[in-house]
Structures are given as structure tokens and as C-alpha cells.
N, C-alpha and C. Protein backbone atom coordinates (compact mmCIF):
# COMPACT_ATOMS: atom_id res chain seq x y z
N UNK A 1 -51.40 21.49 11.20
CA UNK A 1 -51.32 20.47 10.17
C UNK A 1 -49.96 20.53 9.47
N UNK A 2 -49.54 19.36 8.99
CA UNK A 2 -48.26 19.21 8.34
C UNK A 2 -48.49 18.50 7.01
N UNK A 3 -47.99 19.04 5.91
CA UNK A 3 -48.23 18.46 4.59
C UNK A 3 -46.99 17.70 4.13
N UNK A 4 -47.18 16.43 3.77
CA UNK A 4 -46.09 15.60 3.28
C UNK A 4 -45.86 15.83 1.80
N UNK A 5 -44.80 15.19 1.24
CA UNK A 5 -44.50 15.32 -0.18
C UNK A 5 -45.64 14.78 -1.04
N UNK A 6 -46.32 13.74 -0.55
CA UNK A 6 -47.39 13.13 -1.33
C UNK A 6 -48.66 13.99 -1.31
N UNK A 7 -48.68 15.06 -0.51
CA UNK A 7 -49.83 15.95 -0.47
C UNK A 7 -50.81 15.62 0.63
N UNK A 8 -50.57 14.56 1.39
CA UNK A 8 -51.47 14.19 2.47
C UNK A 8 -51.20 15.07 3.69
N UNK A 9 -52.26 15.40 4.41
CA UNK A 9 -52.10 16.18 5.63
C UNK A 9 -52.02 15.22 6.81
N UNK A 10 -51.10 15.51 7.72
CA UNK A 10 -50.98 14.69 8.92
C UNK A 10 -51.01 15.59 10.13
N UNK A 11 -51.22 14.99 11.27
CA UNK A 11 -51.23 15.75 12.51
C UNK A 11 -49.82 16.28 12.77
N UNK A 12 -49.74 17.33 13.54
CA UNK A 12 -48.45 17.95 13.85
C UNK A 12 -47.78 17.18 15.00
N UNK A 13 -47.52 15.90 14.73
CA UNK A 13 -46.94 15.01 15.73
C UNK A 13 -45.42 15.17 15.72
N UNK A 14 -44.80 15.49 16.84
CA UNK A 14 -43.34 15.72 16.84
C UNK A 14 -42.54 14.47 16.48
N UNK A 15 -43.00 13.30 16.91
CA UNK A 15 -42.27 12.07 16.57
C UNK A 15 -42.35 11.80 15.07
N UNK A 16 -43.53 11.97 14.50
CA UNK A 16 -43.70 11.75 13.06
C UNK A 16 -42.87 12.76 12.28
N UNK A 17 -42.86 14.00 12.72
CA UNK A 17 -42.09 15.03 12.06
C UNK A 17 -40.60 14.66 12.08
N UNK A 18 -40.12 14.17 13.21
CA UNK A 18 -38.73 13.76 13.34
C UNK A 18 -38.40 12.59 12.41
N UNK A 19 -39.33 11.62 12.33
CA UNK A 19 -39.13 10.48 11.43
C UNK A 19 -39.04 10.94 9.98
N UNK A 20 -39.92 11.87 9.60
CA UNK A 20 -39.92 12.37 8.23
C UNK A 20 -38.63 13.12 7.92
N UNK A 21 -38.14 13.88 8.87
CA UNK A 21 -36.89 14.62 8.67
C UNK A 21 -35.74 13.63 8.49
N UNK A 22 -35.72 12.56 9.30
CA UNK A 22 -34.66 11.54 9.18
C UNK A 22 -34.70 10.88 7.81
N UNK A 23 -35.91 10.56 7.33
CA UNK A 23 -36.03 9.93 6.01
C UNK A 23 -35.49 10.85 4.92
N UNK A 24 -35.81 12.13 5.01
CA UNK A 24 -35.33 13.08 4.01
C UNK A 24 -33.81 13.21 4.06
N UNK A 25 -33.25 13.18 5.26
CA UNK A 25 -31.80 13.28 5.39
C UNK A 25 -31.12 12.04 4.79
N UNK A 26 -31.69 10.87 4.97
CA UNK A 26 -31.12 9.65 4.41
C UNK A 26 -31.15 9.68 2.89
N UNK A 27 -32.22 10.22 2.34
CA UNK A 27 -32.33 10.30 0.89
C UNK A 27 -31.29 11.24 0.30
N UNK A 28 -31.01 12.34 0.99
CA UNK A 28 -30.11 13.34 0.43
C UNK A 28 -28.66 12.85 0.43
N UNK A 29 -28.29 11.90 1.29
CA UNK A 29 -26.93 11.39 1.32
C UNK A 29 -26.12 12.08 2.40
N UNK A 30 -24.98 11.53 2.67
CA UNK A 30 -24.15 12.02 3.76
C UNK A 30 -22.90 12.67 3.19
N UNK A 31 -22.49 13.78 3.78
CA UNK A 31 -21.19 14.38 3.50
C UNK A 31 -21.08 15.07 2.16
N UNK A 32 -19.83 15.38 1.86
CA UNK A 32 -19.53 16.10 0.63
C UNK A 32 -19.36 15.13 -0.52
N UNK A 33 -19.14 15.67 -1.71
CA UNK A 33 -18.96 14.82 -2.88
C UNK A 33 -17.73 13.95 -2.74
N UNK A 34 -16.67 14.49 -2.14
CA UNK A 34 -15.46 13.70 -1.98
C UNK A 34 -15.69 12.55 -1.00
N UNK A 35 -16.47 12.79 0.06
CA UNK A 35 -16.78 11.72 1.00
C UNK A 35 -17.63 10.64 0.33
N UNK A 36 -18.57 11.07 -0.49
CA UNK A 36 -19.41 10.11 -1.21
C UNK A 36 -18.57 9.30 -2.19
N UNK A 37 -17.58 9.96 -2.84
CA UNK A 37 -16.71 9.25 -3.77
C UNK A 37 -15.87 8.21 -3.02
N UNK A 38 -15.37 8.57 -1.85
CA UNK A 38 -14.60 7.63 -1.04
C UNK A 38 -15.46 6.44 -0.62
N UNK A 39 -16.69 6.72 -0.24
CA UNK A 39 -17.60 5.65 0.16
C UNK A 39 -17.87 4.70 -1.01
N UNK A 40 -18.08 5.27 -2.19
CA UNK A 40 -18.31 4.46 -3.38
C UNK A 40 -17.08 3.60 -3.68
N UNK A 41 -15.89 4.19 -3.54
CA UNK A 41 -14.65 3.45 -3.78
C UNK A 41 -14.51 2.31 -2.79
N UNK A 42 -14.85 2.55 -1.51
CA UNK A 42 -14.78 1.50 -0.50
C UNK A 42 -15.72 0.36 -0.83
N UNK A 43 -16.93 0.69 -1.27
CA UNK A 43 -17.91 -0.33 -1.61
C UNK A 43 -17.43 -1.17 -2.80
N UNK A 44 -16.81 -0.52 -3.80
CA UNK A 44 -16.30 -1.25 -4.95
C UNK A 44 -15.16 -2.18 -4.54
N UNK A 45 -14.27 -1.70 -3.69
CA UNK A 45 -13.17 -2.54 -3.21
C UNK A 45 -13.72 -3.72 -2.42
N UNK A 46 -14.77 -3.48 -1.65
CA UNK A 46 -15.38 -4.53 -0.85
C UNK A 46 -15.94 -5.63 -1.74
N UNK A 47 -16.64 -5.23 -2.80
CA UNK A 47 -17.22 -6.23 -3.70
C UNK A 47 -16.13 -7.00 -4.44
N UNK A 48 -15.06 -6.30 -4.85
CA UNK A 48 -13.95 -6.97 -5.52
C UNK A 48 -13.30 -7.99 -4.57
N UNK A 49 -13.09 -7.58 -3.34
CA UNK A 49 -12.47 -8.47 -2.34
C UNK A 49 -13.34 -9.69 -2.09
N UNK A 50 -14.65 -9.48 -1.98
CA UNK A 50 -15.56 -10.60 -1.78
C UNK A 50 -15.49 -11.58 -2.94
N UNK A 51 -15.48 -11.05 -4.17
CA UNK A 51 -15.44 -11.90 -5.34
C UNK A 51 -14.13 -12.70 -5.38
N UNK A 52 -13.02 -12.04 -5.10
CA UNK A 52 -11.72 -12.70 -5.12
C UNK A 52 -11.65 -13.79 -4.05
N UNK A 53 -12.10 -13.49 -2.86
CA UNK A 53 -12.03 -14.48 -1.78
C UNK A 53 -12.97 -15.65 -2.07
N UNK A 54 -14.09 -15.38 -2.69
CA UNK A 54 -15.01 -16.47 -3.05
C UNK A 54 -14.37 -17.39 -4.08
N UNK A 55 -13.70 -16.80 -5.09
CA UNK A 55 -13.03 -17.61 -6.09
C UNK A 55 -11.94 -18.47 -5.46
N UNK A 56 -11.18 -17.89 -4.53
CA UNK A 56 -10.13 -18.65 -3.86
C UNK A 56 -10.73 -19.78 -3.03
N UNK A 57 -11.80 -19.49 -2.32
CA UNK A 57 -12.45 -20.50 -1.49
C UNK A 57 -13.01 -21.64 -2.35
N UNK A 58 -13.63 -21.27 -3.48
CA UNK A 58 -14.16 -22.30 -4.38
C UNK A 58 -13.04 -23.14 -4.98
N UNK A 59 -11.94 -22.49 -5.35
CA UNK A 59 -10.79 -23.20 -5.90
C UNK A 59 -10.20 -24.18 -4.89
N UNK A 60 -10.09 -23.74 -3.66
CA UNK A 60 -9.56 -24.60 -2.60
C UNK A 60 -10.50 -25.78 -2.35
N UNK A 61 -11.79 -25.55 -2.38
CA UNK A 61 -12.75 -26.63 -2.18
C UNK A 61 -12.65 -27.63 -3.33
N UNK A 62 -12.50 -27.15 -4.54
CA UNK A 62 -12.36 -28.03 -5.70
C UNK A 62 -11.09 -28.87 -5.59
N UNK A 63 -10.00 -28.23 -5.16
CA UNK A 63 -8.72 -28.94 -5.00
C UNK A 63 -8.86 -30.05 -3.96
N UNK A 64 -9.50 -29.72 -2.82
CA UNK A 64 -9.69 -30.72 -1.77
C UNK A 64 -10.56 -31.88 -2.26
N UNK A 65 -11.59 -31.57 -3.03
CA UNK A 65 -12.47 -32.60 -3.57
C UNK A 65 -11.69 -33.54 -4.48
N UNK A 66 -10.88 -32.97 -5.37
CA UNK A 66 -10.09 -33.79 -6.29
C UNK A 66 -9.09 -34.66 -5.54
N UNK A 67 -8.47 -34.12 -4.50
CA UNK A 67 -7.53 -34.90 -3.69
C UNK A 67 -8.25 -36.07 -3.02
N UNK A 68 -9.44 -35.81 -2.52
CA UNK A 68 -10.22 -36.85 -1.87
C UNK A 68 -10.58 -37.94 -2.87
N UNK A 69 -10.94 -37.55 -4.09
CA UNK A 69 -11.30 -38.53 -5.12
C UNK A 69 -10.08 -39.38 -5.49
N UNK A 70 -8.91 -38.75 -5.63
CA UNK A 70 -7.70 -39.49 -5.95
C UNK A 70 -7.36 -40.49 -4.85
N UNK A 71 -7.48 -40.05 -3.61
CA UNK A 71 -7.19 -40.90 -2.47
C UNK A 71 -8.13 -42.11 -2.46
N UNK A 72 -9.41 -41.85 -2.73
CA UNK A 72 -10.40 -42.92 -2.75
C UNK A 72 -10.08 -43.92 -3.87
N UNK A 73 -9.67 -43.40 -5.02
CA UNK A 73 -9.33 -44.27 -6.15
C UNK A 73 -8.12 -45.13 -5.83
N UNK A 74 -7.11 -44.52 -5.17
CA UNK A 74 -5.91 -45.26 -4.78
C UNK A 74 -6.25 -46.38 -3.80
N UNK A 75 -7.15 -46.11 -2.88
CA UNK A 75 -7.53 -47.13 -1.89
C UNK A 75 -8.23 -48.30 -2.57
N UNK A 76 -9.03 -48.02 -3.57
CA UNK A 76 -9.75 -49.10 -4.25
C UNK A 76 -8.82 -49.96 -5.09
N UNK A 77 -7.75 -49.36 -5.60
CA UNK A 77 -6.81 -50.11 -6.45
C UNK A 77 -6.05 -51.16 -5.64
N UNK A 78 -5.79 -50.85 -4.42
CA UNK A 78 -5.01 -51.76 -3.59
C UNK A 78 -3.52 -51.44 -3.68
N UNK A 79 -2.71 -52.23 -2.99
CA UNK A 79 -1.27 -51.93 -2.91
C UNK A 79 -0.49 -52.77 -3.87
């Protein structure tokens, strides 16, 4: 028998045991503190980059929309 953290007993299944070990390893985190700090820094840079590129994309879309509106207005005015 194998006892889990929740106190339940399970069969001594090798696949289940392997799955449980993998889950515990994922919870504990990977690498040293410096590696975790680098990973956190990468994630922060990624979110900043996403936000900046989204703002640029939205700004470009707004500019194109305004140009289209001006063009439409000019066409309606005539020559």
C-alpha cells in the first residue's frame, strides 16, 4: 500500500507512483534560486513585450481607421 498526502491509501501501482512523483516535482519547481529568478525575469519581459506590441498594433489600427474615414469624407465632398 502507498499513502498519499491526503491520507488515502492506494495500490502500489508503479505508473501511479510515477505520476505522483512527477506532480510533486512540478510543485517544488525547477533549478536553483538563480534559475528561478531568471525565469521570472523572462516572464516579466515577455508580458511587457506583449503589452507594448499590443499598444503599437492598436495604435496602428486606429491610425488606419482614421485615414480610411478621411478618405471616405474626401470622396463624398467631391473634387
